Amino acid sequence: EQVMDHFMNPRNMGEIENASGVGTVGNAKCGDIMRIYIKVENGVITDVKFKTFGCGAAIATSSKATELVMGKTLDEALAITNKMVTESLGGLPAVKLHCSVLAEEALHEAIKNYKERLGAGEISA
């Protein structure tokens, strides 16, 4: 029920101009591609958006992951796992569990990108 709700009414869909970090991941086997954008202020994720090309489960897990990280510190966001995303959606079919892994990986890539850009002086904390 929650998976269908997030698929039909995705939260935080879109992109953030001048994002603090962007993470893009894909699964060649199923063709899903996820991109998560984060805006970070004082070590806290103040905005998060996603763009996903994929199945309903990929869109739902992207949507749920953005809800879970909004307002979290970077360390709190890094602690969010694919299992937490799946459980917060009320579960996923076994063949769709890889979608929650992509959501976790895209989020981690966005945070990694933010830290790299911060270290290079491209953005300010």
PDB file of N, CA and C in Angstrom:
ATOM      1  N   GLU A   1       0.822  -1.204   0.000  1.00  0.00           N
ATOM      2  CA  GLU A   1       0.000   0.000   0.000  1.00  0.00           C
ATOM      3  C   GLU A   1       0.869   1.274   0.000  1.00  0.00           C
ATOM      4  N   GLN A   2       1.886   1.303   0.884  1.00  0.00           N
ATOM      5  CA  GLN A   2       2.772   2.471   0.926  1.00  0.00           C
ATOM      6  C   GLN A   2       3.633   2.571  -0.329  1.00  0.00           C
ATOM      7  N   VAL A   3       4.053   1.424  -0.858  1.00  0.00           N
ATOM      8  CA  VAL A   3       4.851   1.427  -2.084  1.00  0.00           C
ATOM      9  C   VAL A   3       4.037   2.067  -3.210  1.00  0.00           C
ATOM     10  N   MET A   4       2.793   1.662  -3.339  1.00  0.00           N
ATOM     11  CA  MET A   4       1.940   2.217  -4.394  1.00  0.00           C
ATOM     12  C   MET A   4       1.685   3.708  -4.172  1.00  0.00           C
ATOM     13  N   ASP A   5       1.517   4.114  -2.914  1.00  0.00           N
ATOM     14  CA  ASP A   5       1.297   5.523  -2.612  1.00  0.00           C
ATOM     15  C   ASP A   5       2.508   6.368  -3.026  1.00  0.00           C
ATOM     16  N   HIS A   6       3.713   5.899  -2.688  1.00  0.00           N
ATOM     17  CA  HIS A   6       4.921   6.636  -3.059  1.00  0.00           C
ATOM     18  C   HIS A   6       5.180   6.586  -4.561  1.00  0.00           C
ATOM     19  N   PHE A   7       4.730   5.527  -5.224  1.00  0.00           N
ATOM     20  CA  PHE A   7       4.868   5.442  -6.676  1.00  0.00           C
ATOM     21  C   PHE A   7       3.890   6.409  -7.354  1.00  0.00           C
ATOM     22  N   MET A   8       2.655   6.419  -6.907  1.00  0.00           N
ATOM     23  CA  MET A   8       1.625   7.253  -7.524  1.00  0.00           C
ATOM     24  C   MET A   8       1.749   8.726  -7.121  1.00  0.00           C
ATOM     25  N   ASN A   9       2.267   8.982  -5.907  1.00  0.00           N
ATOM     26  CA  ASN A   9       2.402  10.345  -5.382  1.00  0.00           C
ATOM     27  C   ASN A   9       3.801  10.545  -4.809  1.00  0.00           C
ATOM     28  N   PRO A  10       4.822  10.507  -5.662  1.00  0.00           N
ATOM     29  CA  PRO A  10       6.192  10.606  -5.147  1.00  0.00           C
ATOM     30  C   PRO A  10       6.449  11.924  -4.437  1.00  0.00           C
ATOM     31  N   ARG A  11       7.178  11.842  -3.340  1.00  0.00           N
ATOM     32  CA  ARG A  11       7.554  13.019  -2.575  1.00  0.00           C
ATOM     33  C   ARG A  11       8.942  13.471  -3.010  1.00  0.00           C
ATOM     34  N   ASN A  12       9.152  14.774  -3.013  1.00  0.00           N
ATOM     35  CA  ASN A  12      10.473  15.362  -3.267  1.00  0.00           C
ATOM     36  C   ASN A  12      11.051  15.016  -4.635  1.00  0.00           C
ATOM     37  N   MET A  13      10.201  14.877  -5.625  1.00  0.00           N
ATOM     38  CA  MET A  13      10.682  14.569  -6.965  1.00  0.00           C
ATOM     39  C   MET A  13      11.135  15.865  -7.637  1.00  0.00           C
ATOM     40  N   GLY A  14      12.220  15.791  -8.370  1.00  0.00           N
ATOM     41  CA  GLY A  14      12.740  16.951  -9.081  1.00  0.00           C
ATOM     42  C   GLY A  14      14.230  17.044  -8.890  1.00  0.00           C
ATOM     43  N   GLU A  15      14.762  18.233  -9.095  1.00  0.00           N
ATOM     44  CA  GLU A  15      16.187  18.428  -8.888  1.00  0.00           C
ATOM     45  C   GLU A  15      16.399  19.743  -8.158  1.00  0.00           C
ATOM     46  N   ILE A  16      17.559  19.883  -7.551  1.00  0.00           N
ATOM     47  CA  ILE A  16      17.921  21.090  -6.821  1.00  0.00           C
ATOM     48  C   ILE A  16      18.996  21.813  -7.610  1.00  0.00           C
ATOM     49  N   GLU A  17      18.703  23.047  -8.004  1.00  0.00           N
ATOM     50  CA  GLU A  17      19.730  23.855  -8.657  1.00  0.00           C
ATOM     51  C   GLU A  17      20.798  24.176  -7.633  1.00  0.00           C
ATOM     52  N   ASN A  18      22.038  24.163  -8.038  1.00  0.00           N
ATOM     53  CA  ASN A  18      23.165  24.430  -7.141  1.00  0.00           C
ATOM     54  C   ASN A  18      23.146  23.521  -5.914  1.00  0.00           C
ATOM     55  N   ALA A  19      22.874  22.250  -6.139  1.00  0.00           N
ATOM     56  CA  ALA A  19      22.848  21.274  -5.042  1.00  0.00           C
ATOM     57  C   ALA A  19      24.217  21.195  -4.376  1.00  0.00           C
ATOM     58  N   SER A  20      24.206  20.894  -3.090  1.00  0.00           N
ATOM     59  CA  SER A  20      25.458  20.707  -2.357  1.00  0.00           C
ATOM     60  C   SER A  20      26.140  19.412  -2.782  1.00  0.00           C
ATOM     61  N   GLY A  21      25.334  18.403  -3.121  1.00  0.00           N
ATOM     62  CA  GLY A  21      25.862  17.120  -3.556  1.00  0.00           C
ATOM     63  C   GLY A  21      24.847  16.395  -4.422  1.00  0.00           C
ATOM     64  N   VAL A  22      25.366  15.608  -5.364  1.00  0.00           N
ATOM     65  CA  VAL A  22      24.513  14.828  -6.263  1.00  0.00           C
ATOM     66  C   VAL A  22      25.077  13.418  -6.354  1.00  0.00           C
ATOM     67  N   GLY A  23      24.204  12.431  -6.198  1.00  0.00           N
ATOM     68  CA  GLY A  23      24.619  11.042  -6.325  1.00  0.00           C
ATOM     69  C   GLY A  23      23.803  10.340  -7.381  1.00  0.00           C
ATOM     70  N   THR A  24      24.478   9.681  -8.308  1.00  0.00           N
ATOM     71  CA  THR A  24      23.801   8.950  -9.373  1.00  0.00           C
ATOM     72  C   THR A  24      24.279   7.508  -9.364  1.00  0.00           C
ATOM     73  N   VAL A  25      23.329   6.584  -9.357  1.00  0.00           N
ATOM     74  CA  VAL A  25      23.653   5.163  -9.416  1.00  0.00           C
ATOM     75  C   VAL A  25      22.700   4.483 -10.387  1.00  0.00           C
ATOM     76  N   GLY A  26      23.093   3.315 -10.863  1.00  0.00           N
ATOM     77  CA  GLY A  26      22.245   2.572 -11.775  1.00  0.00           C
ATOM     78  C   GLY A  26      22.476   1.086 -11.647  1.00  0.00           C
ATOM     79  N   ASN A  27      21.527   0.350 -12.162  1.00  0.00           N
ATOM     80  CA  ASN A  27      21.608  -1.101 -12.176  1.00  0.00           C
ATOM     81  C   ASN A  27      21.454  -1.538 -13.626  1.00  0.00           C
ATOM     82  N   ALA A  28      22.551  -1.964 -14.224  1.00  0.00           N
ATOM     83  CA  ALA A  28      22.535  -2.341 -15.636  1.00  0.00           C
ATOM     84  C   ALA A  28      21.579  -3.500 -15.916  1.00  0.00           C
ATOM     85  N   LYS A  29      21.412  -4.390 -14.941  1.00  0.00           N
ATOM     86  CA  LYS A  29      20.569  -5.565 -15.135  1.00  0.00           C
ATOM     87  C   LYS A  29      19.096  -5.193 -15.320  1.00  0.00           C
ATOM     88  N   CYS A  30      18.609  -4.256 -14.500  1.00  0.00           N
ATOM     89  CA  CYS A  30      17.190  -3.905 -14.594  1.00  0.00           C
ATOM     90  C   CYS A  30      16.953  -2.581 -15.305  1.00  0.00           C
ATOM     91  N   GLY A  31      18.011  -1.779 -15.481  1.00  0.00           N
ATOM     92  CA  GLY A  31      17.874  -0.513 -16.189  1.00  0.00           C
ATOM     93  C   GLY A  31      17.497   0.672 -15.319  1.00  0.00           C
ATOM     94  N   ASP A  32      17.335   0.480 -14.010  1.00  0.00           N
ATOM     95  CA  ASP A  32      16.974   1.584 -13.123  1.00  0.00           C
ATOM     96  C   ASP A  32      18.147   2.548 -12.958  1.00  0.00           C
ATOM     97  N   ILE A  33      17.845   3.842 -12.977  1.00  0.00           N
ATOM     98  CA  ILE A  33      18.842   4.875 -12.720  1.00  0.00           C
ATOM     99  C   ILE A  33      18.244   5.845 -11.713  1.00  0.00           C
ATOM    100  N   MET A  34      18.997   6.115 -10.631  1.00  0.00           N
ATOM    101  CA  MET A  34      18.545   7.036  -9.592  1.00  0.00           C
ATOM    102  C   MET A  34      19.548   8.151  -9.431  1.00  0.00           C
ATOM    103  N   ARG A  35      19.011   9.353  -9.247  1.00  0.00           N
ATOM    104  CA  ARG A  35      19.857  10.509  -8.952  1.00  0.00           C
ATOM    105  C   ARG A  35      19.223  11.222  -7.758  1.00  0.00           C
ATOM    106  N   ILE A  36      20.023  11.439  -6.718  1.00  0.00           N
ATOM    107  CA  ILE A  36      19.556  12.158  -5.533  1.00  0.00           C
ATOM    108  C   ILE A  36      20.376  13.428  -5.379  1.00  0.00           C
ATOM    109  N   TYR A  37      19.668  14.536  -5.150  1.00  0.00           N
ATOM    110  CA  TYR A  37      20.267  15.851  -4.942  1.00  0.00           C
ATOM    111  C   TYR A  37      20.075  16.226  -3.473  1.00  0.00           C
ATOM    112  N   ILE A  38      21.121  16.751  -2.835  1.00  0.00           N
ATOM    113  CA  ILE A  38      20.981  17.214  -1.458  1.00  0.00           C
ATOM    114  C   ILE A  38      21.470  18.649  -1.335  1.00  0.00           C
ATOM    115  N   LYS A  39      20.814  19.384  -0.449  1.00  0.00           N
ATOM    116  CA  LYS A  39      21.250  20.721  -0.055  1.00  0.00           C
ATOM    117  C   LYS A  39      21.631  20.595   1.414  1.00  0.00           C
ATOM    118  N   VAL A  40      22.858  20.995   1.754  1.00  0.00           N
ATOM    119  CA  VAL A  40      23.369  20.855   3.108  1.00  0.00           C
ATOM    120  C   VAL A  40      23.689  22.231   3.675  1.00  0.00           C
ATOM    121  N   GLU A  41      23.203  22.497   4.877  1.00  0.00           N
ATOM    122  CA  GLU A  41      23.512  23.736   5.586  1.00  0.00           C
ATOM    123  C   GLU A  41      23.883  23.375   7.017  1.00  0.00           C
ATOM    124  N   ASN A  42      25.067  23.797   7.431  1.00  0.00           N
ATOM    125  CA  ASN A  42      25.551  23.525   8.790  1.00  0.00           C
ATOM    126  C   ASN A  42      25.517  22.037   9.126  1.00  0.00           C
ATOM    127  N   GLY A  43      25.874  21.195   8.145  1.00  0.00           N
ATOM    128  CA  GLY A  43      25.945  19.759   8.372  1.00  0.00           C
ATOM    129  C   GLY A  43      24.610  19.041   8.397  1.00  0.00           C
ATOM    130  N   VAL A  44      23.534  19.740   8.030  1.00  0.00           N
ATOM    131  CA  VAL A  44      22.191  19.156   8.047  1.00  0.00           C
ATOM    132  C   VAL A  44      21.609  19.206   6.639  1.00  0.00           C
ATOM    133  N   ILE A  45      20.950  18.126   6.237  1.00  0.00           N
ATOM    134  CA  ILE A  45      20.285  18.085   4.927  1.00  0.00           C
ATOM    135  C   ILE A  45      18.990  18.883   5.034  1.00  0.00           C
ATOM    136  N   THR A  46      18.982  20.050   4.373  1.00  0.00           N
ATOM    137  CA  THR A  46      17.823  20.945   4.456  1.00  0.00           C
ATOM    138  C   THR A  46      16.869  20.779   3.283  1.00  0.00           C
ATOM    139  N   ASP A  47      17.341  20.136   2.222  1.00  0.00           N
ATOM    140  CA  ASP A  47      16.475  19.854   1.082  1.00  0.00           C
ATOM    141  C   ASP A  47      17.031  18.627   0.372  1.00  0.00           C
ATOM    142  N   VAL A  48      16.150  17.846  -0.191  1.00  0.00           N
ATOM    143  CA  VAL A  48      16.551  16.645  -0.917  1.00  0.00           C
ATOM    144  C   VAL A  48      15.505  16.372  -1.988  1.00  0.00           C
ATOM    145  N   LYS A  49      15.984  16.041  -3.171  1.00  0.00           N
ATOM    146  CA  LYS A  49      15.090  15.716  -4.280  1.00  0.00           C
ATOM    147  C   LYS A  49      15.676  14.533  -5.038  1.00  0.00           C
ATOM    148  N   PHE A  50      14.842  13.902  -5.858  1.00  0.00           N
ATOM    149  CA  PHE A  50      15.321  12.762  -6.643  1.00  0.00           C
ATOM    150  C   PHE A  50      14.725  12.779  -8.034  1.00  0.00           C
ATOM    151  N   LYS A  51      15.452  12.147  -8.939  1.00  0.00           N
ATOM    152  CA  LYS A  51      14.954  11.828 -10.274  1.00  0.00           C
ATOM    153  C   LYS A  51      15.305  10.368 -10.500  1.00  0.00           C
ATOM    154  N   THR A  52      14.309   9.584 -10.824  1.00  0.00           N
ATOM    155  CA  THR A  52      14.524   8.156 -11.026  1.00  0.00           C
ATOM    156  C   THR A  52      13.880   7.705 -12.322  1.00  0.00           C
ATOM    157  N   PHE A  53      14.652   6.957 -13.091  1.00  0.00           N
ATOM    158  CA  PHE A  53      14.138   6.289 -14.275  1.00  0.00           C
ATOM    159  C   PHE A  53      14.101   4.813 -13.914  1.00  0.00           C
ATOM    160  N   GLY A  54      12.912   4.286 -13.749  1.00  0.00           N
ATOM    161  CA  GLY A  54      12.825   2.882 -13.373  1.00  0.00           C
ATOM    162  C   GLY A  54      11.404   2.464 -13.050  1.00  0.00           C
ATOM    163  N   CYS A  55      11.315   1.322 -12.424  1.00  0.00           N
ATOM    164  CA  CYS A  55      10.019   0.721 -12.097  1.00  0.00           C
ATOM    165  C   CYS A  55       9.369   1.432 -10.906  1.00  0.00           C
ATOM    166  N   GLY A  56       8.166   1.015 -10.579  1.00  0.00           N
ATOM    167  CA  GLY A  56       7.427   1.599  -9.465  1.00  0.00           C
ATOM    168  C   GLY A  56       8.161   1.473  -8.143  1.00  0.00           C
ATOM    169  N   ALA A  57       8.811   0.344  -7.913  1.00  0.00           N
ATOM    170  CA  ALA A  57       9.548   0.148  -6.662  1.00  0.00           C
ATOM    171  C   ALA A  57      10.753   1.084  -6.589  1.00  0.00           C
ATOM    172  N   ALA A  58      11.400   1.339  -7.721  1.00  0.00           N
ATOM    173  CA  ALA A  58      12.542   2.261  -7.741  1.00  0.00           C
ATOM    174  C   ALA A  58      12.088   3.677  -7.405  1.00  0.00           C
ATOM    175  N   ILE A  59      10.968   4.091  -7.952  1.00  0.00           N
ATOM    176  CA  ILE A  59      10.432   5.426  -7.666  1.00  0.00           C
ATOM    177  C   ILE A  59      10.001   5.507  -6.205  1.00  0.00           C
ATOM    178  N   ALA A  60       9.321   4.477  -5.711  1.00  0.00           N
ATOM    179  CA  ALA A  60       8.847   4.473  -4.320  1.00  0.00           C
ATOM    180  C   ALA A  60      10.006   4.507  -3.326  1.00  0.00           C
ATOM    181  N   THR A  61      11.057   3.736  -3.577  1.00  0.00           N
ATOM    182  CA  THR A  61      12.183   3.719  -2.630  1.00  0.00           C
ATOM    183  C   THR A  61      12.944   5.041  -2.675  1.00  0.00           C
ATOM    184  N   SER A  62      13.047   5.660  -3.840  1.00  0.00           N
ATOM    185  CA  SER A  62      13.678   6.978  -3.941  1.00  0.00           C
ATOM    186  C   SER A  62      12.891   7.997  -3.131  1.00  0.00           C
ATOM    187  N   SER A  63      11.583   7.986  -3.323  1.00  0.00           N
ATOM    188  CA  SER A  63      10.700   8.910  -2.626  1.00  0.00           C
ATOM    189  C   SER A  63      10.816   8.732  -1.104  1.00  0.00           C
ATOM    190  N   LYS A  64      10.757   7.497  -0.655  1.00  0.00           N
ATOM    191  CA  LYS A  64      10.821   7.221   0.788  1.00  0.00           C
ATOM    192  C   LYS A  64      12.180   7.603   1.360  1.00  0.00           C
ATOM    193  N   ALA A  65      13.251   7.308   0.631  1.00  0.00           N
ATOM    194  CA  ALA A  65      14.589   7.655   1.110  1.00  0.00           C
ATOM    195  C   ALA A  65      14.716   9.162   1.321  1.00  0.00           C
ATOM    196  N   THR A  66      14.127   9.959   0.423  1.00  0.00           N
ATOM    197  CA  THR A  66      14.212  11.413   0.594  1.00  0.00           C
ATOM    198  C   THR A  66      13.474  11.854   1.852  1.00  0.00           C
ATOM    199  N   GLU A  67      12.351  11.229   2.130  1.00  0.00           N
ATOM    200  CA  GLU A  67      11.619  11.559   3.364  1.00  0.00           C
ATOM    201  C   GLU A  67      12.444  11.218   4.602  1.00  0.00           C
ATOM    202  N   LEU A  68      13.123  10.086   4.550  1.00  0.00           N
ATOM    203  CA  LEU A  68      13.888   9.624   5.715  1.00  0.00           C
ATOM    204  C   LEU A  68      15.091  10.511   6.032  1.00  0.00           C
ATOM    205  N   VAL A  69      15.676  11.158   5.026  1.00  0.00           N
ATOM    206  CA  VAL A  69      16.892  11.947   5.267  1.00  0.00           C
ATOM    207  C   VAL A  69      16.641  13.435   5.488  1.00  0.00           C
ATOM    208  N   MET A  70      15.467  13.913   5.156  1.00  0.00           N
ATOM    209  CA  MET A  70      15.182  15.340   5.317  1.00  0.00           C
ATOM    210  C   MET A  70      15.376  15.760   6.774  1.00  0.00           C
ATOM    211  N   GLY A  71      16.197  16.789   6.984  1.00  0.00           N
ATOM    212  CA  GLY A  71      16.425  17.309   8.323  1.00  0.00           C
ATOM    213  C   GLY A  71      17.459  16.551   9.141  1.00  0.00           C
ATOM    214  N   LYS A  72      18.053  15.539   8.542  1.00  0.00           N
ATOM    215  CA  LYS A  72      19.048  14.721   9.261  1.00  0.00           C
ATOM    216  C   LYS A  72      20.448  15.301   9.060  1.00  0.00           C
ATOM    217  N   THR A  73      21.325  15.015  10.033  1.00  0.00           N
ATOM    218  CA  THR A  73      22.731  15.349   9.845  1.00  0.00           C
ATOM    219  C   THR A  73      23.294  14.374   8.819  1.00  0.00           C
ATOM    220  N   LEU A  74      24.482  14.686   8.319  1.00  0.00           N
ATOM    221  CA  LEU A  74      25.103  13.784   7.341  1.00  0.00           C
ATOM    222  C   LEU A  74      25.351  12.408   7.942  1.00  0.00           C
ATOM    223  N   ASP A  75      25.804  12.365   9.199  1.00  0.00           N
ATOM    224  CA  ASP A  75      26.047  11.067   9.843  1.00  0.00           C
ATOM    225  C   ASP A  75      24.751  10.285  10.018  1.00  0.00           C
ATOM    226  N   GLU A  76      23.678  10.970  10.390  1.00  0.00           N
ATOM    227  CA  GLU A  76      22.379  10.291  10.528  1.00  0.00           C
ATOM    228  C   GLU A  76      21.911   9.767   9.175  1.00  0.00           C
ATOM    229  N   ALA A  77      22.113  10.561   8.121  1.00  0.00           N
ATOM    230  CA  ALA A  77      21.702  10.149   6.777  1.00  0.00           C
ATOM    231  C   ALA A  77      22.510   8.945   6.302  1.00  0.00           C
ATOM    232  N   LEU A  78      23.808   8.933   6.623  1.00  0.00           N
ATOM    233  CA  LEU A  78      24.648   7.799   6.219  1.00  0.00           C
ATOM    234  C   LEU A  78      24.255   6.510   6.942  1.00  0.00           C
ATOM    235  N   ALA A  79      23.601   6.641   8.081  1.00  0.00           N
ATOM    236  CA  ALA A  79      23.181   5.468   8.852  1.00  0.00           C
ATOM    237  C   ALA A  79      21.901   4.841   8.299  1.00  0.00           C
ATOM    238  N   ILE A  80      21.227   5.517   7.381  1.00  0.00           N
ATOM    239  CA  ILE A  80      19.994   4.976   6.810  1.00  0.00           C
ATOM    240  C   ILE A  80      20.367   3.887   5.807  1.00  0.00           C
ATOM    241  N   THR A  81      19.785   2.722   6.006  1.00  0.00           N
ATOM    242  CA  THR A  81      20.111   1.557   5.180  1.00  0.00           C
ATOM    243  C   THR A  81      18.954   1.206   4.250  1.00  0.00           C
ATOM    244  N   ASN A  82      19.257   0.363   3.277  1.00  0.00           N
ATOM    245  CA  ASN A  82      18.204  -0.105   2.379  1.00  0.00           C
ATOM    246  C   ASN A  82      17.131  -0.867   3.161  1.00  0.00           C
ATOM    247  N   LYS A  83      17.537  -1.552   4.216  1.00  0.00           N
ATOM    248  CA  LYS A  83      16.560  -2.284   5.042  1.00  0.00           C
ATOM    249  C   LYS A  83      15.589  -1.309   5.704  1.00  0.00           C
ATOM    250  N   MET A  84      16.097  -0.171   6.169  1.00  0.00           N
ATOM    251  CA  MET A  84      15.234   0.838   6.790  1.00  0.00           C
ATOM    252  C   MET A  84      14.248   1.408   5.771  1.00  0.00           C
ATOM    253  N   VAL A  85      14.716   1.631   4.554  1.00  0.00           N
ATOM    254  CA  VAL A  85      13.842   2.137   3.488  1.00  0.00           C
ATOM    255  C   VAL A  85      12.752   1.111   3.204  1.00  0.00           C
ATOM    256  N   THR A  86      13.139  -0.146   3.044  1.00  0.00           N
ATOM    257  CA  THR A  86      12.183  -1.218   2.760  1.00  0.00           C
ATOM    258  C   THR A  86      11.159  -1.349   3.883  1.00  0.00           C
ATOM    259  N   GLU A  87      11.635  -1.380   5.129  1.00  0.00           N
ATOM    260  CA  GLU A  87      10.722  -1.539   6.269  1.00  0.00           C
ATOM    261  C   GLU A  87       9.760  -0.364   6.381  1.00  0.00           C
ATOM    262  N   SER A  88      10.250   0.855   6.113  1.00  0.00           N
ATOM    263  CA  SER A  88       9.375   2.022   6.230  1.00  0.00           C
ATOM    264  C   SER A  88       8.304   2.045   5.140  1.00  0.00           C
ATOM    265  N   LEU A  89       8.530   1.293   4.067  1.00  0.00           N
ATOM    266  CA  LEU A  89       7.524   1.153   3.012  1.00  0.00           C
ATOM    267  C   LEU A  89       6.583  -0.018   3.266  1.00  0.00           C
ATOM    268  N   GLY A  90       6.820  -0.748   4.330  1.00  0.00           N
ATOM    269  CA  GLY A  90       5.986  -1.909   4.621  1.00  0.00           C
ATOM    270  C   GLY A  90       6.427  -3.154   3.876  1.00  0.00           C
ATOM    271  N   GLY A  91       7.649  -3.119   3.321  1.00  0.00           N
ATOM    272  CA  GLY A  91       8.205  -4.278   2.629  1.00  0.00           C
ATOM    273  C   GLY A  91       8.171  -4.126   1.121  1.00  0.00           C
ATOM    274  N   LEU A  92       8.989  -4.942   0.495  1.00  0.00           N
ATOM    275  CA  LEU A  92       9.065  -5.019  -0.971  1.00  0.00           C
ATOM    276  C   LEU A  92       9.153  -6.476  -1.377  1.00  0.00           C
ATOM    277  N   PRO A  93       8.676  -6.829  -2.574  1.00  0.00           N
ATOM    278  CA  PRO A  93       8.890  -8.198  -3.053  1.00  0.00           C
ATOM    279  C   PRO A  93      10.395  -8.466  -3.176  1.00  0.00           C
ATOM    280  N   ALA A  94      10.796  -9.678  -2.961  1.00  0.00           N
ATOM    281  CA  ALA A  94      12.220 -10.040  -2.988  1.00  0.00           C
ATOM    282  C   ALA A  94      12.900  -9.591  -4.284  1.00  0.00           C
ATOM    283  N   VAL A  95      12.202  -9.698  -5.407  1.00  0.00           N
ATOM    284  CA  VAL A  95      12.808  -9.329  -6.683  1.00  0.00           C
ATOM    285  C   VAL A  95      12.995  -7.817  -6.839  1.00  0.00           C
ATOM    286  N   LYS A  96      12.439  -7.043  -5.907  1.00  0.00           N
ATOM    287  CA  LYS A  96      12.545  -5.584  -5.973  1.00  0.00           C
ATOM    288  C   LYS A  96      13.423  -5.005  -4.863  1.00  0.00           C
ATOM    289  N   LEU A  97      14.023  -5.850  -4.043  1.00  0.00           N
ATOM    290  CA  LEU A  97      14.869  -5.353  -2.955  1.00  0.00           C
ATOM    291  C   LEU A  97      16.058  -4.557  -3.465  1.00  0.00           C
ATOM    292  N   HIS A  98      16.537  -4.878  -4.668  1.00  0.00           N
ATOM    293  CA  HIS A  98      17.666  -4.117  -5.222  1.00  0.00           C
ATOM    294  C   HIS A  98      17.336  -2.643  -5.377  1.00  0.00           C
ATOM    295  N   CYS A  99      16.063  -2.293  -5.498  1.00  0.00           N
ATOM    296  CA  CYS A  99      15.668  -0.886  -5.626  1.00  0.00           C
ATOM    297  C   CYS A  99      16.000  -0.111  -4.354  1.00  0.00           C
ATOM    298  N   SER A 100      15.787  -0.743  -3.203  1.00  0.00           N
ATOM    299  CA  SER A 100      16.115  -0.067  -1.948  1.00  0.00           C
ATOM    300  C   SER A 100      17.623   0.085  -1.793  1.00  0.00           C
ATOM    301  N   VAL A 101      18.374  -0.862  -2.337  1.00  0.00           N
ATOM    302  CA  VAL A 101      19.842  -0.762  -2.303  1.00  0.00           C
ATOM    303  C   VAL A 101      20.284   0.426  -3.159  1.00  0.00           C
ATOM    304  N   LEU A 102      19.656   0.610  -4.317  1.00  0.00           N
ATOM    305  CA  LEU A 102      19.988   1.756  -5.164  1.00  0.00           C
ATOM    306  C   LEU A 102      19.690   3.068  -4.450  1.00  0.00           C
ATOM    307  N   ALA A 103      18.577   3.140  -3.731  1.00  0.00           N
ATOM    308  CA  ALA A 103      18.239   4.370  -2.998  1.00  0.00           C
ATOM    309  C   ALA A 103      19.302   4.678  -1.950  1.00  0.00           C
ATOM    310  N   GLU A 104      19.721   3.666  -1.219  1.00  0.00           N
ATOM    311  CA  GLU A 104      20.780   3.850  -0.217  1.00  0.00           C
ATOM    312  C   GLU A 104      22.071   4.301  -0.889  1.00  0.00           C
ATOM    313  N   GLU A 105      22.447   3.648  -1.979  1.00  0.00           N
ATOM    314  CA  GLU A 105      23.694   3.970  -2.670  1.00  0.00           C
ATOM    315  C   GLU A 105      23.665   5.380  -3.260  1.00  0.00           C
ATOM    316  N   ALA A 106      22.535   5.794  -3.827  1.00  0.00           N
ATOM    317  CA  ALA A 106      22.429   7.138  -4.410  1.00  0.00           C
ATOM    318  C   ALA A 106      22.577   8.198  -3.324  1.00  0.00           C
ATOM    319  N   LEU A 107      21.961   7.958  -2.176  1.00  0.00           N
ATOM    320  CA  LEU A 107      22.088   8.888  -1.054  1.00  0.00           C
ATOM    321  C   LEU A 107      23.545   8.983  -0.596  1.00  0.00           C
ATOM    322  N   HIS A 108      24.194   7.844  -0.438  1.00  0.00           N
ATOM    323  CA  HIS A 108      25.596   7.826  -0.004  1.00  0.00           C
ATOM    324  C   HIS A 108      26.495   8.522  -1.030  1.00  0.00           C
ATOM    325  N   GLU A 109      26.199   8.341  -2.313  1.00  0.00           N
ATOM    326  CA  GLU A 109      26.980   9.000  -3.358  1.00  0.00           C
ATOM    327  C   GLU A 109      26.798  10.519  -3.302  1.00  0.00           C
ATOM    328  N   ALA A 110      25.580  10.975  -3.013  1.00  0.00           N
ATOM    329  CA  ALA A 110      25.329  12.415  -2.907  1.00  0.00           C
ATOM    330  C   ALA A 110      26.113  13.004  -1.738  1.00  0.00           C
ATOM    331  N   ILE A 111      26.148  12.304  -0.620  1.00  0.00           N
ATOM    332  CA  ILE A 111      26.904  12.776   0.543  1.00  0.00           C
ATOM    333  C   ILE A 111      28.397  12.761   0.247  1.00  0.00           C
ATOM    334  N   LYS A 112      28.865  11.712  -0.415  1.00  0.00           N
ATOM    335  CA  LYS A 112      30.277  11.626  -0.802  1.00  0.00           C
ATOM    336  C   LYS A 112      30.634  12.785  -1.734  1.00  0.00           C
ATOM    337  N   ASN A 113      29.764  13.068  -2.699  1.00  0.00           N
ATOM    338  CA  ASN A 113      29.984  14.162  -3.627  1.00  0.00           C
ATOM    339  C   ASN A 113      30.040  15.497  -2.886  1.00  0.00           C
ATOM    340  N   TYR A 114      29.155  15.694  -1.926  1.00  0.00           N
ATOM    341  CA  TYR A 114      29.164  16.913  -1.116  1.00  0.00           C
ATOM    342  C   TYR A 114      30.495  17.062  -0.381  1.00  0.00           C
ATOM    343  N   LYS A 115      30.952  15.997   0.267  1.00  0.00           N
ATOM    344  CA  LYS A 115      32.202  16.059   1.027  1.00  0.00           C
ATOM    345  C   LYS A 115      33.398  16.327   0.113  1.00  0.00           C
ATOM    346  N   GLU A 116      33.402  15.736  -1.082  1.00  0.00           N
ATOM    347  CA  GLU A 116      34.482  15.979  -2.043  1.00  0.00           C
ATOM    348  C   GLU A 116      34.481  17.435  -2.507  1.00  0.00           C
ATOM    349  N   ARG A 117      33.309  17.957  -2.799  1.00  0.00           N
ATOM    350  CA  ARG A 117      33.192  19.342  -3.254  1.00  0.00           C
ATOM    351  C   ARG A 117      33.562  20.319  -2.135  1.00  0.00           C
ATOM    352  N   LEU A 118      33.198  19.990  -0.904  1.00  0.00           N
ATOM    353  CA  LEU A 118      33.527  20.832   0.242  1.00  0.00           C
ATOM    354  C   LEU A 118      35.041  20.855   0.440  1.00  0.00           C
ATOM    355  N   GLY A 119      35.669  19.688   0.351  1.00  0.00           N
ATOM    356  CA  GLY A 119      37.115  19.581   0.512  1.00  0.00           C
ATOM    357  C   GLY A 119      37.887  20.290  -0.585  1.00  0.00           C
ATOM    358  N   ALA A 120      37.288  20.359  -1.769  1.00  0.00           N
ATOM    359  CA  ALA A 120      37.937  21.036  -2.903  1.00  0.00           C
ATOM    360  C   ALA A 120      37.659  22.541  -2.906  1.00  0.00           C
ATOM    361  N   GLY A 121      36.845  22.981  -1.947  1.00  0.00           N
ATOM    362  CA  GLY A 121      36.539  24.404  -1.874  1.00  0.00           C
ATOM    363  C   GLY A 121      35.527  24.888  -2.892  1.00  0.00           C
ATOM    364  N   GLU A 122      34.815  23.961  -3.534  1.00  0.00           N
ATOM    365  CA  GLU A 122      33.820  24.349  -4.543  1.00  0.00           C
ATOM    366  C   GLU A 122      32.562  24.935  -3.919  1.00  0.00           C
ATOM    367  N   ILE A 123      32.267  24.506  -2.698  1.00  0.00           N
ATOM    368  CA  ILE A 123      31.083  24.976  -1.989  1.00  0.00           C
ATOM    369  C   ILE A 123      31.475  25.300  -0.560  1.00  0.00           C
ATOM    370  N   SER A 124      30.605  25.990   0.144  1.00  0.00           N
ATOM    371  CA  SER A 124      30.883  26.289   1.556  1.00  0.00           C
ATOM    372  C   SER A 124      29.956  25.482   2.443  1.00  0.00           C
ATOM    373  N   ALA A 125      30.427  25.220   3.641  1.00  0.00           N
ATOM    374  CA  ALA A 125      29.618  24.442   4.590  1.00  0.00           C
ATOM    375  C   ALA A 125      28.468  25.277   5.035  1.00  0.00           C
TER     376      ALA A 125
END
